[in-house]
Structures are given as C-alpha cells and as structure tokens.
Amino acid sequence: MAIGSTEAAPAGAANGSMLASIAAAPAPTASSSPAPVAEVKPAAPVAAPEGRFKLADDYASHASMKKFINEDGTVDPNVVAKSYLNLERMLGADKLMLPKDETDKDGWNAVYAKLGRPDTPEAYELKKPEKLPDGIAADESAEKVFRTLAHENGLNTRQAQAVYDAYLAHQQQAIAAHAQAMSKAREEGERAIAREYGSSLPEVQTVVRATMAQYADEEFVGFLNESGLGNDPRMMRMLAKMGKDLVGETKLKGRTGETIKTTDQWLQEASEFRKANQAALFDAGHPDHKRLTAELQAKMDRAFPT
C-alpha cells in the first residue's frame, strides 16, 4: 500500500493492531492497588424460642445457674421466677441457726427452744396412767431425774412422753418376765423337794417351820418368800439340818416322833427289806407273804408318794 493512501485497512489488520497494543502495555507492578473486595458480615444469631432468653456468659458459667439452662442454651423466665419466689418465702420464714459446735450451749438451747423444749424440766406435761402397772410404784425421785435428763438433752414434750411411755412398758414387761421366772423356779423347787423327801415332806416342813420360828425374823421370812428361796431345796436342807439340833436328837423327828427319811433312804430301806424277806415275798403260799408284801409296798409308797 502506497504511503499516504486513504484506503481503509482490512478488519484483521485493525484487530491485530489492538492486540499488539495490549501486549505492549506494561504489566502491573506489586505497588499497584488490588481491586476492592466485598465485606463479609457474620451470620445473624439464631433467635431464642419465644418466651425464653440467653444469659450472658458471666452468669451462664456460674454453677448455681446450670439448673436453669436448657439443652439449647436458653432459660425459661418462669422457672427462674418460681425459684426466686421460693427463696423469698424461705428467707421470710423463721430461721433455725445451727450451733457453732458441740460446746455452743447457747446455740443448742436456742435450737431446743425452737423445736419445742419447755423452759424448765418441771414444765414437761407428762401424761401418766391412772393406775400404774402391777409391780411398778410411783417414784418421784426417779421422775425428777428423768425430767432433768430429758431437758438437758433437748427433748420436746412429745419426745419426752414417748420415752416415758416406753420406759413404763419396758418395766411392766420386765416385772412380768421376772414373776414368770419366779413361778417356774418355785414349781421346780417344790418338785425337787417332793422327790427328795418323798412321803416325809410334811414332817420335814413341820420341823422347818419350827426352825424358822426359832431363828428367823419377819424380814428374813419375807425375803425367802419374795426371792423364792423358801422353795429352794438347798435352803430346805439347811433348815432341816438346823432342825435336828433344835429338836435335840441325832435324828430329825416329825410330829408323831417318826424318823424323817428322804426318798433315797426309803428306797434303801425297801431294798434291805426285800432281801431280808425274799423267801416269803416270792412265795405266794407263804403264810407271811401277804403281810410282808403290803409292808414293802408301803415303803415304796413313802418313797414315791402320789
């Protein structure tokens, strides 16, 4: 193409010229400002369910607030309000201050007074039975000790009454058990004496009574009866031996003057009688058989009276 020609350049030539100019443009340097970036805002917090709220971290982390926080981290104000009202009612009620320690006498007295202990031991209004159980006599001294102990240990009237009733019941049971044991011992003693003296028992008893009249006073007789020793075979033997000296003979005599013998003595006498009269006793045709047999039976009956 001639210089100075006015003909238009082809389209391709024009495009090539633009690319060439872009290629020839200088590359951006490090000091060049970057294109502005759009600001990223944090997501909006999830709203608490209706009627609930979230506590600030300072409060939510407190141990006493854990019971109010739900699994989703929210708090129901109605639950908090109920707890607060309960707290006000408790603070407004009568308060019971605990003593400092076991030696805090004033502190314990204050506690006992709050729990209903009367002001003095005498102020206990104890309900007593109209009639005390058999074997239990009124003991004002023991009752005074009980009242003092109850007061010192802080018992209120209801507690003192319960202890008092339990004590009377226990005493009644103990007395009944003792009476039963005494009755059993007396019966066993009587059986033992009967076995030992056999048919001689009435005579032994007569001499024992005479011995008692000579040596024992009323107090000792009462002691024997109350303790049950009056029916103890050991006591009976001792008094019977004393009776021998009282009668003044080597053998104890009964009212009829007959020698008093024990069961063993009667059995021994029967055995000797049997040996001495063996021929007549075992011969039904013997003229003395009937009489001697009756005598032997009488000795056995004295040994084992019915």
C-alpha atoms as a PDB file:
ATOM      1  CA  MET A   1       0.000   0.000   0.000  1.00  0.00           C
ATOM      2  CA  ALA A   2       1.334   3.364  -1.006  1.00  0.00           C
ATOM      3  CA  ILE A   3       2.296   5.875   1.563  1.00  0.00           C
ATOM      4  CA  GLY A   4      -0.411   8.499   2.053  1.00  0.00           C
ATOM      5  CA  SER A   5      -3.131   6.248   0.603  1.00  0.00           C
ATOM      6  CA  THR A   6      -6.548   6.877   2.012  1.00  0.00           C
ATOM      7  CA  GLU A   7      -7.945   3.321   1.659  1.00  0.00           C
ATOM      8  CA  ALA A   8      -9.239   1.693   4.763  1.00  0.00           C
ATOM      9  CA  ALA A   9      -7.149  -1.068   6.314  1.00  0.00           C
ATOM     10  CA  PRO A  10      -8.585  -4.573   6.425  1.00  0.00           C
ATOM     11  CA  ALA A  11     -10.504  -5.632   9.580  1.00  0.00           C
ATOM     12  CA  GLY A  12      -7.935  -8.226  10.502  1.00  0.00           C
ATOM     13  CA  ALA A  13      -5.225  -5.660  10.374  1.00  0.00           C
ATOM     14  CA  ALA A  14      -7.157  -3.437  12.767  1.00  0.00           C
ATOM     15  CA  ASN A  15      -7.646  -6.279  15.287  1.00  0.00           C
ATOM     16  CA  GLY A  16      -4.036  -7.190  15.149  1.00  0.00           C
ATOM     17  CA  SER A  17      -3.123  -3.651  15.917  1.00  0.00           C
ATOM     18  CA  MET A  18      -5.337  -3.718  19.166  1.00  0.00           C
ATOM     19  CA  LEU A  19      -3.807  -6.951  20.410  1.00  0.00           C
ATOM     20  CA  ALA A  20      -0.432  -5.572  19.739  1.00  0.00           C
ATOM     21  CA  SER A  21      -1.181  -2.527  21.802  1.00  0.00           C
ATOM     22  CA  ILE A  22      -2.453  -4.693  24.715  1.00  0.00           C
ATOM     23  CA  ALA A  23       0.593  -6.862  24.531  1.00  0.00           C
ATOM     24  CA  ALA A  24       2.771  -3.813  24.536  1.00  0.00           C
ATOM     25  CA  ALA A  25       1.097  -2.393  27.653  1.00  0.00           C
ATOM     26  CA  PRO A  26       3.278  -2.632  30.791  1.00  0.00           C
ATOM     27  CA  ALA A  27       2.425  -5.443  33.345  1.00  0.00           C
ATOM     28  CA  PRO A  28       1.063  -4.278  36.726  1.00  0.00           C
ATOM     29  CA  THR A  29       3.684  -3.980  39.461  1.00  0.00           C
ATOM     30  CA  ALA A  30       3.489  -5.032  43.165  1.00  0.00           C
ATOM     31  CA  SER A  31       2.777  -1.471  44.148  1.00  0.00           C
ATOM     32  CA  SER A  32      -0.321  -1.405  42.100  1.00  0.00           C
ATOM     33  CA  SER A  33      -3.592  -1.242  44.272  1.00  0.00           C
ATOM     34  CA  PRO A  34      -5.695  -4.506  44.242  1.00  0.00           C
ATOM     35  CA  ALA A  35      -9.285  -4.418  43.193  1.00  0.00           C
ATOM     36  CA  PRO A  36     -11.619  -3.763  46.155  1.00  0.00           C
ATOM     37  CA  VAL A  37     -13.131  -6.951  47.866  1.00  0.00           C
ATOM     38  CA  ALA A  38     -16.760  -7.055  49.157  1.00  0.00           C
ATOM     39  CA  GLU A  39     -17.030  -7.111  53.053  1.00  0.00           C
ATOM     40  CA  VAL A  40     -18.268 -10.480  54.559  1.00  0.00           C
ATOM     41  CA  LYS A  41     -20.624  -9.900  57.523  1.00  0.00           C
ATOM     42  CA  PRO A  42     -21.172 -12.629  60.245  1.00  0.00           C
ATOM     43  CA  ALA A  43     -24.424 -14.534  60.178  1.00  0.00           C
ATOM     44  CA  ALA A  44     -27.134 -13.123  62.413  1.00  0.00           C
ATOM     45  CA  PRO A  45     -27.530 -15.085  65.766  1.00  0.00           C
ATOM     46  CA  VAL A  46     -30.287 -17.646  65.941  1.00  0.00           C
ATOM     47  CA  ALA A  47     -33.165 -16.150  67.903  1.00  0.00           C
ATOM     48  CA  ALA A  48     -34.132 -17.875  71.205  1.00  0.00           C
ATOM     49  CA  PRO A  49     -37.520 -19.613  71.265  1.00  0.00           C
ATOM     50  CA  GLU A  50     -40.369 -17.338  72.110  1.00  0.00           C
ATOM     51  CA  GLY A  51     -40.595 -16.509  75.781  1.00  0.00           C
ATOM     52  CA  ARG A  52     -37.011 -17.567  76.545  1.00  0.00           C
ATOM     53  CA  PHE A  53     -33.703 -15.792  76.649  1.00  0.00           C
ATOM     54  CA  LYS A  54     -29.994 -16.477  76.864  1.00  0.00           C
ATOM     55  CA  LEU A  55     -27.821 -15.478  79.805  1.00  0.00           C
ATOM     56  CA  ALA A  56     -24.611 -13.537  79.487  1.00  0.00           C
ATOM     57  CA  ASP A  57     -21.544 -15.746  79.689  1.00  0.00           C
ATOM     58  CA  ASP A  58     -20.610 -14.433  83.143  1.00  0.00           C
ATOM     59  CA  TYR A  59     -23.939 -15.676  84.532  1.00  0.00           C
ATOM     60  CA  ALA A  60     -24.335 -18.782  82.401  1.00  0.00           C
ATOM     61  CA  SER A  61     -20.997 -20.159  83.585  1.00  0.00           C
ATOM     62  CA  HIS A  62     -21.983 -19.937  87.265  1.00  0.00           C
ATOM     63  CA  ALA A  63     -22.619 -23.378  88.828  1.00  0.00           C
ATOM     64  CA  SER A  64     -25.840 -22.314  90.544  1.00  0.00           C
ATOM     65  CA  MET A  65     -27.365 -21.245  87.195  1.00  0.00           C
ATOM     66  CA  LYS A  66     -26.763 -24.548  85.402  1.00  0.00           C
ATOM     67  CA  LYS A  67     -30.093 -25.911  86.620  1.00  0.00           C
ATOM     68  CA  PHE A  68     -31.973 -23.151  84.758  1.00  0.00           C
ATOM     69  CA  ILE A  69     -30.249 -23.561  81.368  1.00  0.00           C
ATOM     70  CA  ASN A  70     -31.904 -25.837  78.800  1.00  0.00           C
ATOM     71  CA  GLU A  71     -30.095 -28.014  76.283  1.00  0.00           C
ATOM     72  CA  ASP A  72     -30.367 -25.288  73.651  1.00  0.00           C
ATOM     73  CA  GLY A  73     -28.725 -22.773  75.983  1.00  0.00           C
ATOM     74  CA  THR A  74     -31.897 -20.824  76.700  1.00  0.00           C
ATOM     75  CA  VAL A  75     -33.568 -20.033  80.005  1.00  0.00           C
ATOM     76  CA  ASP A  76     -37.279 -20.123  80.795  1.00  0.00           C
ATOM     77  CA  PRO A  77     -38.059 -16.975  82.842  1.00  0.00           C
ATOM     78  CA  ASN A  78     -40.993 -18.709  84.553  1.00  0.00           C
ATOM     79  CA  VAL A  79     -38.651 -21.282  86.086  1.00  0.00           C
ATOM     80  CA  VAL A  80     -36.344 -18.533  87.345  1.00  0.00           C
ATOM     81  CA  ALA A  81     -39.277 -16.582  88.783  1.00  0.00           C
ATOM     82  CA  LYS A  82     -40.590 -19.639  90.651  1.00  0.00           C
ATOM     83  CA  SER A  83     -37.179 -20.289  92.181  1.00  0.00           C
ATOM     84  CA  TYR A  84     -36.925 -16.671  93.284  1.00  0.00           C
ATOM     85  CA  LEU A  85     -40.345 -16.717  94.960  1.00  0.00           C
ATOM     86  CA  ASN A  86     -39.448 -19.905  96.815  1.00  0.00           C
ATOM     87  CA  LEU A  87     -36.267 -18.241  98.015  1.00  0.00           C
ATOM     88  CA  GLU A  88     -38.201 -15.232  99.306  1.00  0.00           C
ATOM     89  CA  ARG A  89     -40.622 -17.436 101.195  1.00  0.00           C
ATOM     90  CA  MET A  90     -37.763 -19.320 102.786  1.00  0.00           C
ATOM     91  CA  LEU A  91     -35.948 -16.168 103.817  1.00  0.00           C
ATOM     92  CA  GLY A  92     -39.142 -14.735 105.242  1.00  0.00           C
ATOM     93  CA  ALA A  93     -39.855 -17.806 107.430  1.00  0.00           C
ATOM     94  CA  ASP A  94     -38.475 -18.459 110.920  1.00  0.00           C
ATOM     95  CA  LYS A  95     -34.845 -19.412 110.583  1.00  0.00           C
ATOM     96  CA  LEU A  96     -33.089 -22.095 112.674  1.00  0.00           C
ATOM     97  CA  MET A  97     -29.469 -21.188 113.222  1.00  0.00           C
ATOM     98  CA  LEU A  98     -27.244 -24.195 113.792  1.00  0.00           C
ATOM     99  CA  PRO A  99     -24.909 -24.129 116.810  1.00  0.00           C
ATOM    100  CA  LYS A 100     -21.245 -23.471 116.175  1.00  0.00           C
ATOM    101  CA  ASP A 101     -20.169 -26.792 117.703  1.00  0.00           C
ATOM    102  CA  GLU A 102     -20.978 -29.232 120.496  1.00  0.00           C
ATOM    103  CA  THR A 103     -19.829 -26.765 123.135  1.00  0.00           C
ATOM    104  CA  ASP A 104     -22.105 -23.936 121.958  1.00  0.00           C
ATOM    105  CA  LYS A 105     -24.538 -24.155 124.889  1.00  0.00           C
ATOM    106  CA  ASP A 106     -26.498 -21.016 123.987  1.00  0.00           C
ATOM    107  CA  GLY A 107     -26.773 -22.161 120.374  1.00  0.00           C
ATOM    108  CA  TRP A 108     -28.128 -25.559 121.371  1.00  0.00           C
ATOM    109  CA  ASN A 109     -30.570 -24.035 123.845  1.00  0.00           C
ATOM    110  CA  ALA A 110     -31.900 -21.834 121.054  1.00  0.00           C
ATOM    111  CA  VAL A 111     -32.352 -24.851 118.797  1.00  0.00           C
ATOM    112  CA  TYR A 112     -34.074 -26.867 121.541  1.00  0.00           C
ATOM    113  CA  ALA A 113     -36.415 -23.976 122.257  1.00  0.00           C
ATOM    114  CA  LYS A 114     -37.344 -23.705 118.562  1.00  0.00           C
ATOM    115  CA  LEU A 115     -38.058 -27.439 118.464  1.00  0.00           C
ATOM    116  CA  GLY A 116     -40.460 -27.245 121.407  1.00  0.00           C
ATOM    117  CA  ARG A 117     -38.465 -27.982 124.543  1.00  0.00           C
ATOM    118  CA  PRO A 118     -40.160 -26.437 127.593  1.00  0.00           C
ATOM    119  CA  ASP A 119     -38.339 -23.775 129.577  1.00  0.00           C
ATOM    120  CA  THR A 120     -37.740 -25.982 132.640  1.00  0.00           C
ATOM    121  CA  PRO A 121     -37.746 -29.702 133.490  1.00  0.00           C
ATOM    122  CA  GLU A 122     -40.809 -29.171 135.666  1.00  0.00           C
ATOM    123  CA  ALA A 123     -42.754 -27.755 132.686  1.00  0.00           C
ATOM    124  CA  TYR A 124     -42.988 -31.136 130.931  1.00  0.00           C
ATOM    125  CA  GLU A 125     -46.677 -32.113 130.867  1.00  0.00           C
ATOM    126  CA  LEU A 126     -46.301 -35.866 131.069  1.00  0.00           C
ATOM    127  CA  LYS A 127     -49.472 -37.930 130.815  1.00  0.00           C
ATOM    128  CA  LYS A 128     -49.397 -40.676 133.432  1.00  0.00           C
ATOM    129  CA  PRO A 129     -51.653 -43.724 133.573  1.00  0.00           C
ATOM    130  CA  GLU A 130     -54.440 -43.517 136.114  1.00  0.00           C
ATOM    131  CA  LYS A 131     -53.177 -46.762 137.590  1.00  0.00           C
ATOM    132  CA  LEU A 132     -49.574 -47.845 137.335  1.00  0.00           C
ATOM    133  CA  PRO A 133     -48.946 -51.393 136.098  1.00  0.00           C
ATOM    134  CA  ASP A 134     -48.737 -54.081 138.768  1.00  0.00           C
ATOM    135  CA  GLY A 135     -45.309 -54.144 140.354  1.00  0.00           C
ATOM    136  CA  ILE A 136     -44.482 -50.522 139.499  1.00  0.00           C
ATOM    137  CA  ALA A 137     -44.716 -47.944 142.254  1.00  0.00           C
ATOM    138  CA  ALA A 138     -44.654 -44.187 141.787  1.00  0.00           C
ATOM    139  CA  ASP A 139     -41.116 -42.891 142.251  1.00  0.00           C
ATOM    140  CA  GLU A 140     -40.957 -39.097 142.379  1.00  0.00           C
ATOM    141  CA  SER A 141     -37.180 -39.103 142.708  1.00  0.00           C
ATOM    142  CA  ALA A 142     -36.745 -41.196 139.542  1.00  0.00           C
ATOM    143  CA  GLU A 143     -39.226 -38.979 137.680  1.00  0.00           C
ATOM    144  CA  LYS A 144     -37.273 -35.881 138.679  1.00  0.00           C
ATOM    145  CA  VAL A 145     -34.085 -37.416 137.300  1.00  0.00           C
ATOM    146  CA  PHE A 146     -35.901 -38.305 134.070  1.00  0.00           C
ATOM    147  CA  ARG A 147     -37.232 -34.767 133.616  1.00  0.00           C
ATOM    148  CA  THR A 148     -33.775 -33.301 134.162  1.00  0.00           C
ATOM    149  CA  LEU A 149     -32.133 -35.637 131.656  1.00  0.00           C
ATOM    150  CA  ALA A 150     -34.863 -35.008 129.092  1.00  0.00           C
ATOM    151  CA  HIS A 151     -34.436 -31.244 129.416  1.00  0.00           C
ATOM    152  CA  GLU A 152     -30.629 -31.369 129.269  1.00  0.00           C
ATOM    153  CA  ASN A 153     -30.786 -33.396 126.066  1.00  0.00           C
ATOM    154  CA  GLY A 154     -33.268 -31.116 124.342  1.00  0.00           C
ATOM    155  CA  LEU A 155     -36.346 -33.332 124.243  1.00  0.00           C
ATOM    156  CA  ASN A 156     -39.619 -31.624 123.456  1.00  0.00           C
ATOM    157  CA  THR A 157     -42.803 -32.696 125.238  1.00  0.00           C
ATOM    158  CA  ARG A 158     -43.788 -35.225 122.577  1.00  0.00           C
ATOM    159  CA  GLN A 159     -40.374 -36.889 122.671  1.00  0.00           C
ATOM    160  CA  ALA A 160     -40.270 -36.937 126.471  1.00  0.00           C
ATOM    161  CA  GLN A 161     -43.729 -38.515 126.596  1.00  0.00           C
ATOM    162  CA  ALA A 162     -42.677 -41.221 124.127  1.00  0.00           C
ATOM    163  CA  VAL A 163     -39.607 -42.112 126.216  1.00  0.00           C
ATOM    164  CA  TYR A 164     -41.671 -42.079 129.437  1.00  0.00           C
ATOM    165  CA  ASP A 165     -44.300 -44.420 127.955  1.00  0.00           C
ATOM    166  CA  ALA A 166     -41.643 -46.754 126.578  1.00  0.00           C
ATOM    167  CA  TYR A 167     -39.956 -46.922 129.986  1.00  0.00           C
ATOM    168  CA  LEU A 168     -43.206 -47.878 131.748  1.00  0.00           C
ATOM    169  CA  ALA A 169     -43.942 -50.531 129.118  1.00  0.00           C
ATOM    170  CA  HIS A 170     -40.442 -51.970 129.457  1.00  0.00           C
ATOM    171  CA  GLN A 171     -40.726 -52.066 133.254  1.00  0.00           C
ATOM    172  CA  GLN A 172     -44.051 -53.840 133.041  1.00  0.00           C
ATOM    173  CA  GLN A 173     -42.636 -56.446 130.668  1.00  0.00           C
ATOM    174  CA  ALA A 174     -39.583 -56.946 132.879  1.00  0.00           C
ATOM    175  CA  ILE A 175     -41.715 -57.405 136.004  1.00  0.00           C
ATOM    176  CA  ALA A 176     -43.993 -59.873 134.216  1.00  0.00           C
ATOM    177  CA  ALA A 177     -40.995 -61.853 132.965  1.00  0.00           C
ATOM    178  CA  HIS A 178     -39.481 -61.887 136.466  1.00  0.00           C
ATOM    179  CA  ALA A 179     -42.743 -63.078 138.016  1.00  0.00           C
ATOM    180  CA  GLN A 180     -42.991 -65.843 135.427  1.00  0.00           C
ATOM    181  CA  ALA A 181     -39.413 -66.919 136.101  1.00  0.00           C
ATOM    182  CA  MET A 182     -40.043 -66.920 139.864  1.00  0.00           C
ATOM    183  CA  SER A 183     -43.182 -69.002 139.436  1.00  0.00           C
ATOM    184  CA  LYS A 184     -41.323 -71.519 137.312  1.00  0.00           C
ATOM    185  CA  ALA A 185     -38.459 -71.693 139.803  1.00  0.00           C
ATOM    186  CA  ARG A 186     -40.904 -72.181 142.681  1.00  0.00           C
ATOM    187  CA  GLU A 187     -42.648 -75.045 140.885  1.00  0.00           C
ATOM    188  CA  GLU A 188     -39.333 -76.703 140.024  1.00  0.00           C
ATOM    189  CA  GLY A 189     -38.170 -76.281 143.630  1.00  0.00           C
ATOM    190  CA  GLU A 190     -41.348 -77.840 145.005  1.00  0.00           C
ATOM    191  CA  ARG A 191     -40.999 -80.818 142.665  1.00  0.00           C
ATOM    192  CA  ALA A 192     -37.347 -81.255 143.644  1.00  0.00           C
ATOM    193  CA  ILE A 193     -38.203 -81.162 147.355  1.00  0.00           C
ATOM    194  CA  ALA A 194     -41.035 -83.640 146.879  1.00  0.00           C
ATOM    195  CA  ARG A 195     -38.716 -86.020 145.014  1.00  0.00           C
ATOM    196  CA  GLU A 196     -36.029 -85.720 147.653  1.00  0.00           C
ATOM    197  CA  TYR A 197     -38.153 -86.166 150.789  1.00  0.00           C
ATOM    198  CA  GLY A 198     -40.990 -88.231 149.389  1.00  0.00           C
ATOM    199  CA  SER A 199     -43.688 -89.021 151.936  1.00  0.00           C
ATOM    200  CA  SER A 200     -41.586 -87.433 154.684  1.00  0.00           C
ATOM    201  CA  LEU A 201     -42.107 -83.985 153.205  1.00  0.00           C
ATOM    202  CA  PRO A 202     -44.961 -82.951 155.543  1.00  0.00           C
ATOM    203  CA  GLU A 203     -42.826 -83.860 158.568  1.00  0.00           C
ATOM    204  CA  VAL A 204     -39.799 -82.019 157.170  1.00  0.00           C
ATOM    205  CA  GLN A 205     -41.905 -78.957 156.516  1.00  0.00           C
ATOM    206  CA  THR A 206     -43.205 -79.032 160.097  1.00  0.00           C
ATOM    207  CA  VAL A 207     -39.697 -79.061 161.514  1.00  0.00           C
ATOM    208  CA  VAL A 208     -38.536 -76.384 159.055  1.00  0.00           C
ATOM    209  CA  ARG A 209     -41.354 -74.096 160.180  1.00  0.00           C
ATOM    210  CA  ALA A 210     -40.345 -74.692 163.786  1.00  0.00           C
ATOM    211  CA  THR A 211     -36.764 -73.843 162.870  1.00  0.00           C
ATOM    212  CA  MET A 212     -37.853 -70.669 161.153  1.00  0.00           C
ATOM    213  CA  ALA A 213     -39.935 -69.642 164.146  1.00  0.00           C
ATOM    214  CA  GLN A 214     -36.925 -70.108 166.393  1.00  0.00           C
ATOM    215  CA  TYR A 215     -34.221 -68.417 164.288  1.00  0.00           C
ATOM    216  CA  ALA A 216     -35.800 -66.232 161.569  1.00  0.00           C
ATOM    217  CA  ASP A 217     -37.448 -62.843 161.951  1.00  0.00           C
ATOM    218  CA  GLU A 218     -40.280 -61.493 159.777  1.00  0.00           C
ATOM    219  CA  GLU A 219     -37.908 -59.674 157.468  1.00  0.00           C
ATOM    220  CA  PHE A 220     -35.994 -62.862 156.694  1.00  0.00           C
ATOM    221  CA  VAL A 221     -39.217 -64.811 156.139  1.00  0.00           C
ATOM    222  CA  GLY A 222     -40.398 -62.098 153.739  1.00  0.00           C
ATOM    223  CA  PHE A 223     -37.077 -62.285 151.913  1.00  0.00           C
ATOM    224  CA  LEU A 224     -37.417 -66.050 151.466  1.00  0.00           C
ATOM    225  CA  ASN A 225     -40.935 -65.685 150.095  1.00  0.00           C
ATOM    226  CA  GLU A 226     -40.128 -62.802 147.733  1.00  0.00           C
ATOM    227  CA  SER A 227     -36.917 -64.316 146.403  1.00  0.00           C
ATOM    228  CA  GLY A 228     -38.303 -67.827 146.026  1.00  0.00           C
ATOM    229  CA  LEU A 229     -35.554 -69.289 148.229  1.00  0.00           C
ATOM    230  CA  GLY A 230     -38.199 -70.670 150.553  1.00  0.00           C
ATOM    231  CA  ASN A 231     -38.797 -73.388 147.960  1.00  0.00           C
ATOM    232  CA  ASP A 232     -35.149 -73.938 147.141  1.00  0.00           C
ATOM    233  CA  PRO A 233     -34.080 -77.495 148.060  1.00  0.00           C
ATOM    234  CA  ARG A 234     -30.726 -76.165 149.304  1.00  0.00           C
ATOM    235  CA  MET A 235     -32.452 -73.843 151.765  1.00  0.00           C
ATOM    236  CA  MET A 236     -34.777 -76.634 152.825  1.00  0.00           C
ATOM    237  CA  ARG A 237     -31.848 -78.972 153.527  1.00  0.00           C
ATOM    238  CA  MET A 238     -30.054 -76.348 155.588  1.00  0.00           C
ATOM    239  CA  LEU A 239     -33.127 -75.588 157.691  1.00  0.00           C
ATOM    240  CA  ALA A 240     -33.823 -79.300 158.163  1.00  0.00           C
ATOM    241  CA  LYS A 241     -30.297 -79.827 159.468  1.00  0.00           C
ATOM    242  CA  MET A 242     -30.753 -76.902 161.823  1.00  0.00           C
ATOM    243  CA  GLY A 243     -33.978 -78.546 162.953  1.00  0.00           C
ATOM    244  CA  LYS A 244     -32.063 -81.597 164.092  1.00  0.00           C
ATOM    245  CA  ASP A 245     -30.139 -79.511 166.584  1.00  0.00           C
ATOM    246  CA  LEU A 246     -33.319 -77.690 167.587  1.00  0.00           C
ATOM    247  CA  VAL A 247     -35.100 -80.967 168.413  1.00  0.00           C
ATOM    248  CA  GLY A 248     -32.017 -82.155 170.275  1.00  0.00           C
ATOM    249  CA  GLU A 249     -31.827 -85.638 168.759  1.00  0.00           C
ATOM    250  CA  THR A 250     -29.485 -87.302 166.372  1.00  0.00           C
ATOM    251  CA  LYS A 251     -32.370 -87.910 164.017  1.00  0.00           C
ATOM    252  CA  LEU A 252     -34.960 -85.384 162.973  1.00  0.00           C
ATOM    253  CA  LYS A 253     -38.377 -86.347 164.296  1.00  0.00           C
ATOM    254  CA  GLY A 254     -41.763 -85.368 162.970  1.00  0.00           C
ATOM    255  CA  ARG A 255     -44.923 -84.621 164.871  1.00  0.00           C
ATOM    256  CA  THR A 256     -45.513 -88.337 165.505  1.00  0.00           C
ATOM    257  CA  GLY A 257     -41.922 -88.961 166.533  1.00  0.00           C
ATOM    258  CA  GLU A 258     -41.219 -90.990 163.388  1.00  0.00           C
ATOM    259  CA  THR A 259     -37.780 -90.629 161.899  1.00  0.00           C
ATOM    260  CA  ILE A 260     -37.917 -88.419 158.797  1.00  0.00           C
ATOM    261  CA  LYS A 261     -36.331 -90.040 155.764  1.00  0.00           C
ATOM    262  CA  THR A 262     -35.569 -88.941 152.253  1.00  0.00           C
ATOM    263  CA  THR A 263     -36.661 -90.794 149.111  1.00  0.00           C
ATOM    264  CA  ASP A 264     -33.243 -92.406 148.810  1.00  0.00           C
ATOM    265  CA  GLN A 265     -33.429 -93.549 152.425  1.00  0.00           C
ATOM    266  CA  TRP A 266     -36.851 -95.121 151.872  1.00  0.00           C
ATOM    267  CA  LEU A 267     -35.605 -96.894 148.746  1.00  0.00           C
ATOM    268  CA  GLN A 268     -32.592 -98.200 150.628  1.00  0.00           C
ATOM    269  CA  GLU A 269     -34.837 -99.468 153.424  1.00  0.00           C
ATOM    270  CA  ALA A 270     -37.171-101.129 150.899  1.00  0.00           C
ATOM    271  CA  SER A 271     -34.225-102.858 149.214  1.00  0.00           C
ATOM    272  CA  GLU A 272     -32.940-104.198 152.514  1.00  0.00           C
ATOM    273  CA  PHE A 273     -36.462-105.325 153.480  1.00  0.00           C
ATOM    274  CA  ARG A 274     -36.805-107.203 150.185  1.00  0.00           C
ATOM    275  CA  LYS A 275     -33.527-109.045 150.678  1.00  0.00           C
ATOM    276  CA  ALA A 276     -34.377-109.940 154.264  1.00  0.00           C
ATOM    277  CA  ASN A 277     -37.802-111.342 153.348  1.00  0.00           C
ATOM    278  CA  GLN A 278     -37.077-112.658 149.892  1.00  0.00           C
ATOM    279  CA  ALA A 279     -38.403-116.171 150.517  1.00  0.00           C
ATOM    280  CA  ALA A 280     -41.820-115.047 151.782  1.00  0.00           C
ATOM    281  CA  LEU A 281     -42.144-112.230 149.221  1.00  0.00           C
ATOM    282  CA  PHE A 282     -41.609-114.538 146.260  1.00  0.00           C
ATOM    283  CA  ASP A 283     -43.680-117.436 147.634  1.00  0.00           C
ATOM    284  CA  ALA A 284     -47.386-116.750 147.307  1.00  0.00           C
ATOM    285  CA  GLY A 285     -48.132-119.725 149.549  1.00  0.00           C
ATOM    286  CA  HIS A 286     -46.020-118.490 152.421  1.00  0.00           C
ATOM    287  CA  PRO A 287     -48.157-117.546 155.438  1.00  0.00           C
ATOM    288  CA  ASP A 288     -46.463-114.117 155.764  1.00  0.00           C
ATOM    289  CA  HIS A 289     -46.451-113.370 152.037  1.00  0.00           C
ATOM    290  CA  LYS A 290     -49.458-111.049 152.054  1.00  0.00           C
ATOM    291  CA  ARG A 291     -48.359-109.077 155.141  1.00  0.00           C
ATOM    292  CA  LEU A 292     -44.749-108.627 154.052  1.00  0.00           C
ATOM    293  CA  THR A 293     -45.791-107.656 150.531  1.00  0.00           C
ATOM    294  CA  ALA A 294     -48.039-104.924 151.961  1.00  0.00           C
ATOM    295  CA  GLU A 295     -45.166-103.644 154.147  1.00  0.00           C
ATOM    296  CA  LEU A 296     -42.817-103.488 151.145  1.00  0.00           C
ATOM    297  CA  GLN A 297     -45.436-101.634 149.126  1.00  0.00           C
ATOM    298  CA  ALA A 298     -45.905 -99.136 151.975  1.00  0.00           C
ATOM    299  CA  LYS A 299     -42.192 -98.366 151.980  1.00  0.00           C
ATOM    300  CA  MET A 300     -42.262 -97.802 148.224  1.00  0.00           C
ATOM    301  CA  ASP A 301     -45.267 -95.550 148.600  1.00  0.00           C
ATOM    302  CA  ARG A 302     -43.369 -93.481 151.148  1.00  0.00           C
ATOM    303  CA  ALA A 303     -40.520 -93.148 148.686  1.00  0.00           C
ATOM    304  CA  PHE A 304     -42.801 -92.146 145.818  1.00  0.00           C
ATOM    305  CA  PRO A 305     -45.960 -90.611 147.246  1.00  0.00           C
ATOM    306  CA  THR A 306     -48.748 -89.947 144.764  1.00  0.00           C
END
